[in-house]
Amino acid sequence: LLAALTLDRTLPAPLAAQVYDALRALIADGRLKPGA
């Protein structure tokens, strides 16, 4: 899962927002379980 996270520095979105969006998606679809 860590390796699947990629950041695109050409996008206008700040890097922090990209990290947040990626982790939120992993949590929302259940790939990151509660308590992990």
Full PDB file with SEQRES, HELIX, SHEET, SSBOND, CRYST1, ORIGX, SCALE, CONECT and MASTER records, all heavy atoms in Angstrom:
SEQRES   1 A   36  LEU LEU ALA ALA LEU THR LEU ASP ARG THR LEU PRO ALA          
SEQRES   2 A   36  PRO LEU ALA ALA GLN VAL TYR ASP ALA LEU ARG ALA LEU          
SEQRES   3 A   36  ILE ALA ASP GLY ARG LEU LYS PRO GLY ALA                      
HELIX    1 AA1 LEU A   15  ALA A   28  1                                  14    
CRYST1    1.000    1.000    1.000  90.00  90.00  90.00 P 1           1          
ORIGX1      1.000000  0.000000  0.000000        0.00000                         
ORIGX2      0.000000  1.000000  0.000000        0.00000                         
ORIGX3      0.000000  0.000000  1.000000        0.00000                         
SCALE1      1.000000  0.000000  0.000000        0.00000                         
SCALE2      0.000000  1.000000  0.000000        0.00000                         
SCALE3      0.000000  0.000000  1.000000        0.00000                         
ATOM      1  N   LEU A   1       0.829  -1.199   0.000  1.00  0.00           N  
ATOM      2  CA  LEU A   1       0.000   0.000   0.000  1.00  0.00           C  
ATOM      3  C   LEU A   1       0.864   1.249   0.000  1.00  0.00           C  
ATOM      4  O   LEU A   1       0.545   2.244  -0.647  1.00  0.00           O  
ATOM      5  CB  LEU A   1      -0.923  -0.002   1.221  1.00  0.00           C  
ATOM      6  CG  LEU A   1      -2.061  -1.017   1.210  1.00  0.00           C  
ATOM      7  CD1 LEU A   1      -2.842  -0.956   2.512  1.00  0.00           C  
ATOM      8  CD2 LEU A   1      -2.995  -0.765   0.027  1.00  0.00           C  
ATOM      9  N   LEU A   2       1.975   1.219   0.731  1.00  0.00           N  
ATOM     10  CA  LEU A   2       2.872   2.361   0.762  1.00  0.00           C  
ATOM     11  C   LEU A   2       3.450   2.628  -0.619  1.00  0.00           C  
ATOM     12  O   LEU A   2       3.524   3.772  -1.073  1.00  0.00           O  
ATOM     13  CB  LEU A   2       4.001   2.106   1.765  1.00  0.00           C  
ATOM     14  CG  LEU A   2       5.043   3.212   1.937  1.00  0.00           C  
ATOM     15  CD1 LEU A   2       4.378   4.468   2.474  1.00  0.00           C  
ATOM     16  CD2 LEU A   2       6.154   2.758   2.876  1.00  0.00           C  
ATOM     17  N   ALA A   3       3.827   1.572  -1.308  1.00  0.00           N  
ATOM     18  CA  ALA A   3       4.399   1.740  -2.635  1.00  0.00           C  
ATOM     19  C   ALA A   3       3.378   2.247  -3.645  1.00  0.00           C  
ATOM     20  O   ALA A   3       3.728   2.851  -4.658  1.00  0.00           O  
ATOM     21  CB  ALA A   3       4.988   0.416  -3.122  1.00  0.00           C  
ATOM     22  N   ALA A   4       2.087   1.993  -3.368  1.00  0.00           N  
ATOM     23  CA  ALA A   4       1.045   2.416  -4.304  1.00  0.00           C  
ATOM     24  C   ALA A   4       0.781   3.908  -4.239  1.00  0.00           C  
ATOM     25  O   ALA A   4       0.150   4.458  -5.148  1.00  0.00           O  
ATOM     26  CB  ALA A   4      -0.252   1.655  -4.012  1.00  0.00           C  
ATOM     27  N   LEU A   5       1.249   4.559  -3.197  1.00  0.00           N  
ATOM     28  CA  LEU A   5       1.027   6.001  -3.068  1.00  0.00           C  
ATOM     29  C   LEU A   5       2.032   6.763  -3.934  1.00  0.00           C  
ATOM     30  O   LEU A   5       3.236   6.660  -3.743  1.00  0.00           O  
ATOM     31  CB  LEU A   5       1.174   6.442  -1.604  1.00  0.00           C  
ATOM     32  CG  LEU A   5       0.126   5.920  -0.625  1.00  0.00           C  
ATOM     33  CD1 LEU A   5       0.404   6.458   0.766  1.00  0.00           C  
ATOM     34  CD2 LEU A   5      -1.260   6.352  -1.062  1.00  0.00           C  
ATOM     35  N   THR A   6       1.527   7.495  -4.890  1.00  0.00           N  
ATOM     36  CA  THR A   6       2.378   8.300  -5.755  1.00  0.00           C  
ATOM     37  C   THR A   6       1.894   9.740  -5.741  1.00  0.00           C  
ATOM     38  O   THR A   6       0.690  10.008  -5.665  1.00  0.00           O  
ATOM     39  CB  THR A   6       2.370   7.771  -7.195  1.00  0.00           C  
ATOM     40  OG1 THR A   6       1.027   7.765  -7.687  1.00  0.00           O  
ATOM     41  CG2 THR A   6       2.945   6.371  -7.262  1.00  0.00           C  
ATOM     42  N   LEU A   7       2.819  10.651  -5.821  1.00  0.00           N  
ATOM     43  CA  LEU A   7       2.506  12.073  -5.810  1.00  0.00           C  
ATOM     44  C   LEU A   7       2.887  12.689  -7.150  1.00  0.00           C  
ATOM     45  O   LEU A   7       3.896  12.312  -7.752  1.00  0.00           O  
ATOM     46  CB  LEU A   7       3.262  12.786  -4.678  1.00  0.00           C  
ATOM     47  CG  LEU A   7       3.036  12.215  -3.269  1.00  0.00           C  
ATOM     48  CD1 LEU A   7       3.860  12.993  -2.253  1.00  0.00           C  
ATOM     49  CD2 LEU A   7       1.569  12.255  -2.908  1.00  0.00           C  
ATOM     50  N   ASP A   8       2.058  13.594  -7.614  1.00  0.00           N  
ATOM     51  CA  ASP A   8       2.291  14.250  -8.900  1.00  0.00           C  
ATOM     52  C   ASP A   8       2.580  15.724  -8.649  1.00  0.00           C  
ATOM     53  O   ASP A   8       1.679  16.507  -8.322  1.00  0.00           O  
ATOM     54  CB  ASP A   8       1.063  14.095  -9.800  1.00  0.00           C  
ATOM     55  CG  ASP A   8       1.316  14.608 -11.211  1.00  0.00           C  
ATOM     56  OD1 ASP A   8       2.342  15.279 -11.427  1.00  0.00           O  
ATOM     57  OD2 ASP A   8       0.476  14.349 -12.096  1.00  0.00           O  
ATOM     58  N   ARG A   9       3.852  16.114  -8.785  1.00  0.00           N  
ATOM     59  CA  ARG A   9       4.240  17.503  -8.492  1.00  0.00           C  
ATOM     60  C   ARG A   9       3.840  18.472  -9.595  1.00  0.00           C  
ATOM     61  O   ARG A   9       4.039  19.685  -9.455  1.00  0.00           O  
ATOM     62  CB  ARG A   9       5.749  17.570  -8.230  1.00  0.00           C  
ATOM     63  CG  ARG A   9       6.134  16.976  -6.883  1.00  0.00           C  
ATOM     64  CD  ARG A   9       7.629  16.818  -6.718  1.00  0.00           C  
ATOM     65  NE  ARG A   9       7.987  16.481  -5.342  1.00  0.00           N  
ATOM     66  CZ  ARG A   9       7.864  15.274  -4.810  1.00  0.00           C  
ATOM     67  NH1 ARG A   9       7.376  14.282  -5.547  1.00  0.00           N  
ATOM     68  NH2 ARG A   9       8.205  15.060  -3.553  1.00  0.00           N  
ATOM     69  N   THR A  10       3.301  17.958 -10.679  1.00  0.00           N  
ATOM     70  CA  THR A  10       2.829  18.861 -11.742  1.00  0.00           C  
ATOM     71  C   THR A  10       1.401  19.335 -11.496  1.00  0.00           C  
ATOM     72  O   THR A  10       0.924  20.247 -12.166  1.00  0.00           O  
ATOM     73  CB  THR A  10       2.895  18.161 -13.113  1.00  0.00           C  
ATOM     74  OG1 THR A  10       1.956  17.068 -13.135  1.00  0.00           O  
ATOM     75  CG2 THR A  10       4.305  17.641 -13.386  1.00  0.00           C  
ATOM     76  N   LEU A  11       0.708  18.699 -10.543  1.00  0.00           N  
ATOM     77  CA  LEU A  11      -0.667  19.091 -10.265  1.00  0.00           C  
ATOM     78  C   LEU A  11      -0.703  20.353  -9.408  1.00  0.00           C  
ATOM     79  O   LEU A  11       0.210  20.605  -8.614  1.00  0.00           O  
ATOM     80  CB  LEU A  11      -1.395  17.965  -9.525  1.00  0.00           C  
ATOM     81  CG  LEU A  11      -1.599  16.657 -10.295  1.00  0.00           C  
ATOM     82  CD1 LEU A  11      -2.246  15.612  -9.397  1.00  0.00           C  
ATOM     83  CD2 LEU A  11      -2.452  16.898 -11.534  1.00  0.00           C  
ATOM     84  N   PRO A  12      -1.766  21.155  -9.522  1.00  0.00           N  
ATOM     85  CA  PRO A  12      -1.877  22.342  -8.673  1.00  0.00           C  
ATOM     86  C   PRO A  12      -2.154  22.008  -7.216  1.00  0.00           C  
ATOM     87  O   PRO A  12      -1.900  22.815  -6.337  1.00  0.00           O  
ATOM     88  CB  PRO A  12      -3.042  23.121  -9.293  1.00  0.00           C  
ATOM     89  CG  PRO A  12      -3.856  22.100 -10.012  1.00  0.00           C  
ATOM     90  CD  PRO A  12      -2.870  21.089 -10.518  1.00  0.00           C  
ATOM     91  N   ALA A  13      -2.704  20.805  -6.947  1.00  0.00           N  
ATOM     92  CA  ALA A  13      -3.020  20.429  -5.571  1.00  0.00           C  
ATOM     93  C   ALA A  13      -1.740  20.292  -4.753  1.00  0.00           C  
ATOM     94  O   ALA A  13      -0.774  19.657  -5.194  1.00  0.00           O  
ATOM     95  CB  ALA A  13      -3.789  19.111  -5.555  1.00  0.00           C  
ATOM     96  N   PRO A  14      -1.683  20.867  -3.532  1.00  0.00           N  
ATOM     97  CA  PRO A  14      -0.502  20.718  -2.680  1.00  0.00           C  
ATOM     98  C   PRO A  14      -0.222  19.247  -2.383  1.00  0.00           C  
ATOM     99  O   PRO A  14      -1.117  18.407  -2.395  1.00  0.00           O  
ATOM    100  CB  PRO A  14      -0.883  21.482  -1.407  1.00  0.00           C  
ATOM    101  CG  PRO A  14      -1.965  22.426  -1.822  1.00  0.00           C  
ATOM    102  CD  PRO A  14      -2.702  21.732  -2.920  1.00  0.00           C  
ATOM    103  N   LEU A  15       1.031  18.953  -2.081  1.00  0.00           N  
ATOM    104  CA  LEU A  15       1.418  17.569  -1.817  1.00  0.00           C  
ATOM    105  C   LEU A  15       0.686  17.022  -0.590  1.00  0.00           C  
ATOM    106  O   LEU A  15       0.316  15.843  -0.563  1.00  0.00           O  
ATOM    107  CB  LEU A  15       2.934  17.482  -1.625  1.00  0.00           C  
ATOM    108  CG  LEU A  15       3.776  17.847  -2.856  1.00  0.00           C  
ATOM    109  CD1 LEU A  15       5.257  17.807  -2.513  1.00  0.00           C  
ATOM    110  CD2 LEU A  15       3.478  16.902  -4.020  1.00  0.00           C  
ATOM    111  N   ALA A  16       0.484  17.853   0.416  1.00  0.00           N  
ATOM    112  CA  ALA A  16      -0.227  17.381   1.607  1.00  0.00           C  
ATOM    113  C   ALA A  16      -1.638  16.939   1.252  1.00  0.00           C  
ATOM    114  O   ALA A  16      -2.150  15.939   1.787  1.00  0.00           O  
ATOM    115  CB  ALA A  16      -0.269  18.480   2.672  1.00  0.00           C  
ATOM    116  N   ALA A  17      -2.294  17.679   0.359  1.00  0.00           N  
ATOM    117  CA  ALA A  17      -3.643  17.314  -0.060  1.00  0.00           C  
ATOM    118  C   ALA A  17      -3.624  15.988  -0.822  1.00  0.00           C  
ATOM    119  O   ALA A  17      -4.551  15.173  -0.694  1.00  0.00           O  
ATOM    120  CB  ALA A  17      -4.241  18.423  -0.922  1.00  0.00           C  
ATOM    121  N   GLN A  18      -2.588  15.747  -1.623  1.00  0.00           N  
ATOM    122  CA  GLN A  18      -2.497  14.493  -2.358  1.00  0.00           C  
ATOM    123  C   GLN A  18      -2.292  13.302  -1.405  1.00  0.00           C  
ATOM    124  O   GLN A  18      -2.878  12.235  -1.588  1.00  0.00           O  
ATOM    125  CB  GLN A  18      -1.356  14.565  -3.374  1.00  0.00           C  
ATOM    126  CG  GLN A  18      -1.577  15.598  -4.477  1.00  0.00           C  
ATOM    127  CD  GLN A  18      -0.488  15.536  -5.535  1.00  0.00           C  
ATOM    128  OE1 GLN A  18      -0.083  14.464  -5.969  1.00  0.00           O  
ATOM    129  NE2 GLN A  18      -0.002  16.697  -5.950  1.00  0.00           N  
ATOM    130  N   VAL A  19      -1.421  13.490  -0.395  1.00  0.00           N  
ATOM    131  CA  VAL A  19      -1.220  12.432   0.599  1.00  0.00           C  
ATOM    132  C   VAL A  19      -2.524  12.149   1.327  1.00  0.00           C  
ATOM    133  O   VAL A  19      -2.925  10.995   1.520  1.00  0.00           O  
ATOM    134  CB  VAL A  19      -0.116  12.830   1.591  1.00  0.00           C  
ATOM    135  CG1 VAL A  19       0.004  11.779   2.699  1.00  0.00           C  
ATOM    136  CG2 VAL A  19       1.217  12.989   0.878  1.00  0.00           C  
ATOM    137  N   TYR A  20      -3.215  13.225   1.736  1.00  0.00           N  
ATOM    138  CA  TYR A  20      -4.492  13.076   2.438  1.00  0.00           C  
ATOM    139  C   TYR A  20      -5.507  12.336   1.564  1.00  0.00           C  
ATOM    140  O   TYR A  20      -6.172  11.400   2.026  1.00  0.00           O  
ATOM    141  CB  TYR A  20      -5.001  14.462   2.824  1.00  0.00           C  
ATOM    142  CG  TYR A  20      -6.489  14.528   3.063  1.00  0.00           C  
ATOM    143  CD1 TYR A  20      -7.048  14.065   4.249  1.00  0.00           C  
ATOM    144  CD2 TYR A  20      -7.345  15.038   2.093  1.00  0.00           C  
ATOM    145  CE1 TYR A  20      -8.413  14.107   4.464  1.00  0.00           C  
ATOM    146  CE2 TYR A  20      -8.710  15.089   2.297  1.00  0.00           C  
ATOM    147  CZ  TYR A  20      -9.242  14.629   3.485  1.00  0.00           C  
ATOM    148  OH  TYR A  20     -10.594  14.671   3.681  1.00  0.00           O  
ATOM    149  N   ASP A  21      -5.657  12.746   0.299  1.00  0.00           N  
ATOM    150  CA  ASP A  21      -6.635  12.114  -0.587  1.00  0.00           C  
ATOM    151  C   ASP A  21      -6.346  10.626  -0.757  1.00  0.00           C  
ATOM    152  O   ASP A  21      -7.270   9.794  -0.755  1.00  0.00           O  
ATOM    153  CB  ASP A  21      -6.623  12.811  -1.951  1.00  0.00           C  
ATOM    154  CG  ASP A  21      -7.280  14.187  -1.907  1.00  0.00           C  
ATOM    155  OD1 ASP A  21      -8.072  14.438  -0.987  1.00  0.00           O  
ATOM    156  OD2 ASP A  21      -6.980  15.010  -2.795  1.00  0.00           O  
ATOM    157  N   ALA A  22      -5.054  10.272  -0.913  1.00  0.00           N  
ATOM    158  CA  ALA A  22      -4.702   8.869  -1.127  1.00  0.00           C  
ATOM    159  C   ALA A  22      -5.015   8.028   0.108  1.00  0.00           C  
ATOM    160  O   ALA A  22      -5.585   6.933   0.003  1.00  0.00           O  
ATOM    161  CB  ALA A  22      -3.222   8.769  -1.480  1.00  0.00           C  
ATOM    162  N   LEU A  23      -4.665   8.553   1.298  1.00  0.00           N  
ATOM    163  CA  LEU A  23      -4.929   7.787   2.513  1.00  0.00           C  
ATOM    164  C   LEU A  23      -6.424   7.705   2.800  1.00  0.00           C  
ATOM    165  O   LEU A  23      -6.924   6.667   3.245  1.00  0.00           O  
ATOM    166  CB  LEU A  23      -4.195   8.424   3.690  1.00  0.00           C  
ATOM    167  CG  LEU A  23      -2.666   8.312   3.652  1.00  0.00           C  
ATOM    168  CD1 LEU A  23      -2.038   9.100   4.788  1.00  0.00           C  
ATOM    169  CD2 LEU A  23      -2.226   6.855   3.708  1.00  0.00           C  
ATOM    170  N   ARG A  24      -7.133   8.789   2.549  1.00  0.00           N  
ATOM    171  CA  ARG A  24      -8.574   8.769   2.783  1.00  0.00           C  
ATOM    172  C   ARG A  24      -9.241   7.717   1.903  1.00  0.00           C  
ATOM    173  O   ARG A  24     -10.160   7.003   2.343  1.00  0.00           O  
ATOM    174  CB  ARG A  24      -9.175  10.144   2.509  1.00  0.00           C  
ATOM    175  CG  ARG A  24     -10.683  10.209   2.743  1.00  0.00           C  
ATOM    176  CD  ARG A  24     -11.240  11.589   2.513  1.00  0.00           C  
ATOM    177  NE  ARG A  24     -11.050  12.017   1.128  1.00  0.00           N  
ATOM    178  CZ  ARG A  24     -11.535  13.158   0.626  1.00  0.00           C  
ATOM    179  NH1 ARG A  24     -12.207  13.983   1.411  1.00  0.00           N  
ATOM    180  NH2 ARG A  24     -11.326  13.489  -0.625  1.00  0.00           N  
ATOM    181  N   ALA A  25      -8.802   7.610   0.637  1.00  0.00           N  
ATOM    182  CA  ALA A  25      -9.384   6.615  -0.263  1.00  0.00           C  
ATOM    183  C   ALA A  25      -9.106   5.203   0.241  1.00  0.00           C  
ATOM    184  O   ALA A  25      -9.987   4.331   0.196  1.00  0.00           O  
ATOM    185  CB  ALA A  25      -8.815   6.804  -1.672  1.00  0.00           C  
ATOM    186  N   LEU A  26      -7.888   4.962   0.747  1.00  0.00           N  
ATOM    187  CA  LEU A  26      -7.558   3.632   1.273  1.00  0.00           C  
ATOM    188  C   LEU A  26      -8.399   3.288   2.492  1.00  0.00           C  
ATOM    189  O   LEU A  26      -8.794   2.133   2.697  1.00  0.00           O  
ATOM    190  CB  LEU A  26      -6.069   3.573   1.635  1.00  0.00           C  
ATOM    191  CG  LEU A  26      -5.078   3.626   0.465  1.00  0.00           C  
ATOM    192  CD1 LEU A  26      -3.659   3.735   0.993  1.00  0.00           C  
ATOM    193  CD2 LEU A  26      -5.223   2.402  -0.431  1.00  0.00           C  
ATOM    194  N   ILE A  27      -8.692   4.290   3.316  1.00  0.00           N  
ATOM    195  CA  ILE A  27      -9.511   4.058   4.505  1.00  0.00           C  
ATOM    196  C   ILE A  27     -10.974   3.842   4.118  1.00  0.00           C  
ATOM    197  O   ILE A  27     -11.644   2.930   4.611  1.00  0.00           O  
ATOM    198  CB  ILE A  27      -9.376   5.240   5.484  1.00  0.00           C  
ATOM    199  CG1 ILE A  27      -7.948   5.322   6.010  1.00  0.00           C  
ATOM    200  CG2 ILE A  27     -10.360   5.109   6.642  1.00  0.00           C  
ATOM    201  CD1 ILE A  27      -7.640   6.592   6.783  1.00  0.00           C  
ATOM    202  N   ALA A  28     -11.469   4.673   3.200  1.00  0.00           N  
ATOM    203  CA  ALA A  28     -12.881   4.606   2.819  1.00  0.00           C  
ATOM    204  C   ALA A  28     -13.228   3.292   2.137  1.00  0.00           C  
ATOM    205  O   ALA A  28     -14.330   2.764   2.338  1.00  0.00           O  
ATOM    206  CB  ALA A  28     -13.228   5.784   1.909  1.00  0.00           C  
ATOM    207  N   ASP A  29     -12.300   2.758   1.314  1.00  0.00           N  
ATOM    208  CA  ASP A  29     -12.638   1.506   0.623  1.00  0.00           C  
ATOM    209  C   ASP A  29     -12.243   0.267   1.409  1.00  0.00           C  
ATOM    210  O   ASP A  29     -12.351  -0.862   0.921  1.00  0.00           O  
ATOM    211  CB  ASP A  29     -12.034   1.471  -0.778  1.00  0.00           C  
ATOM    212  CG  ASP A  29     -10.502   1.436  -0.799  1.00  0.00           C  
ATOM    213  OD1 ASP A  29      -9.897   1.129   0.245  1.00  0.00           O  
ATOM    214  OD2 ASP A  29      -9.925   1.722  -1.866  1.00  0.00           O  
ATOM    215  N   GLY A  30     -11.773   0.453   2.654  1.00  0.00           N  
ATOM    216  CA  GLY A  30     -11.538  -0.676   3.538  1.00  0.00           C  
ATOM    217  C   GLY A  30     -10.187  -1.330   3.423  1.00  0.00           C  
ATOM    218  O   GLY A  30      -9.903  -2.302   4.136  1.00  0.00           O  
ATOM    219  N   ARG A  31      -9.303  -0.820   2.568  1.00  0.00           N  
ATOM    220  CA  ARG A  31      -7.984  -1.437   2.460  1.00  0.00           C  
ATOM    221  C   ARG A  31      -7.116  -1.125   3.679  1.00  0.00           C  
ATOM    222  O   ARG A  31      -6.198  -1.889   3.996  1.00  0.00           O  
ATOM    223  CB  ARG A  31      -7.290  -0.989   1.176  1.00  0.00           C  
ATOM    224  CG  ARG A  31      -7.833  -1.689  -0.071  1.00  0.00           C  
ATOM    225  CD  ARG A  31      -7.034  -1.325  -1.305  1.00  0.00           C  
ATOM    226  NE  ARG A  31      -7.351   0.031  -1.770  1.00  0.00           N  
ATOM    227  CZ  ARG A  31      -6.685   0.655  -2.728  1.00  0.00           C  
ATOM    228  NH1 ARG A  31      -5.639   0.076  -3.300  1.00  0.00           N  
ATOM    229  NH2 ARG A  31      -7.037   1.869  -3.105  1.00  0.00           N  
ATOM    230  N   LEU A  32      -7.396  -0.032   4.338  1.00  0.00           N  
ATOM    231  CA  LEU A  32      -6.778   0.248   5.632  1.00  0.00           C  
ATOM    232  C   LEU A  32      -7.853   0.027   6.694  1.00  0.00           C  
ATOM    233  O   LEU A  32      -8.864   0.716   6.711  1.00  0.00           O  
ATOM    234  CB  LEU A  32      -6.239   1.679   5.693  1.00  0.00           C  
ATOM    235  CG  LEU A  32      -4.930   1.945   4.941  1.00  0.00           C  
ATOM    236  CD1 LEU A  32      -4.542   3.418   5.047  1.00  0.00           C  
ATOM    237  CD2 LEU A  32      -3.808   1.085   5.508  1.00  0.00           C  
ATOM    238  N   LYS A  33      -7.635  -0.936   7.576  1.00  0.00           N  
ATOM    239  CA  LYS A  33      -8.649  -1.351   8.533  1.00  0.00           C  
ATOM    240  C   LYS A  33      -8.620  -0.468   9.777  1.00  0.00           C  
ATOM    241  O   LYS A  33      -7.573   0.066  10.151  1.00  0.00           O  
ATOM    242  CB  LYS A  33      -8.422  -2.809   8.940  1.00  0.00           C  
ATOM    243  CG  LYS A  33      -8.354  -3.779   7.763  1.00  0.00           C  
ATOM    244  CD  LYS A  33      -9.677  -3.816   6.998  1.00  0.00           C  
ATOM    245  CE  LYS A  33      -9.627  -4.848   5.862  1.00  0.00           C  
ATOM    246  NZ  LYS A  33     -10.874  -4.815   5.053  1.00  0.00           N  
ATOM    247  N   PRO A  34      -9.779  -0.334  10.459  1.00  0.00           N  
ATOM    248  CA  PRO A  34      -9.818   0.421  11.717  1.00  0.00           C  
ATOM    249  C   PRO A  34      -8.800  -0.115  12.713  1.00  0.00           C  
ATOM    250  O   PRO A  34      -8.656  -1.331  12.892  1.00  0.00           O  
ATOM    251  CB  PRO A  34     -11.252   0.204  12.216  1.00  0.00           C  
ATOM    252  CG  PRO A  34     -12.042  -0.063  10.973  1.00  0.00           C  
ATOM    253  CD  PRO A  34     -11.121  -0.815  10.064  1.00  0.00           C  
ATOM    254  N   GLY A  35      -8.070   0.794  13.337  1.00  0.00           N  
ATOM    255  CA  GLY A  35      -7.065   0.410  14.311  1.00  0.00           C  
ATOM    256  C   GLY A  35      -5.684   0.228  13.739  1.00  0.00           C  
ATOM    257  O   GLY A  35      -4.700   0.143  14.494  1.00  0.00           O  
ATOM    258  N   ALA A  36      -5.560   0.167  12.392  1.00  0.00           N  
ATOM    259  CA  ALA A  36      -4.242   0.004  11.786  1.00  0.00           C  
ATOM    260  C   ALA A  36      -3.417   1.264  11.999  1.00  0.00           C  
ATOM    261  O   ALA A  36      -3.925   2.386  11.907  1.00  0.00           O  
ATOM    262  CB  ALA A  36      -4.378  -0.298  10.296  1.00  0.00           C  
TER     263      ALA A  36                                                      
MASTER        0    0    0    1    0    0    0    6  262    1    0    3          
END                                                                             
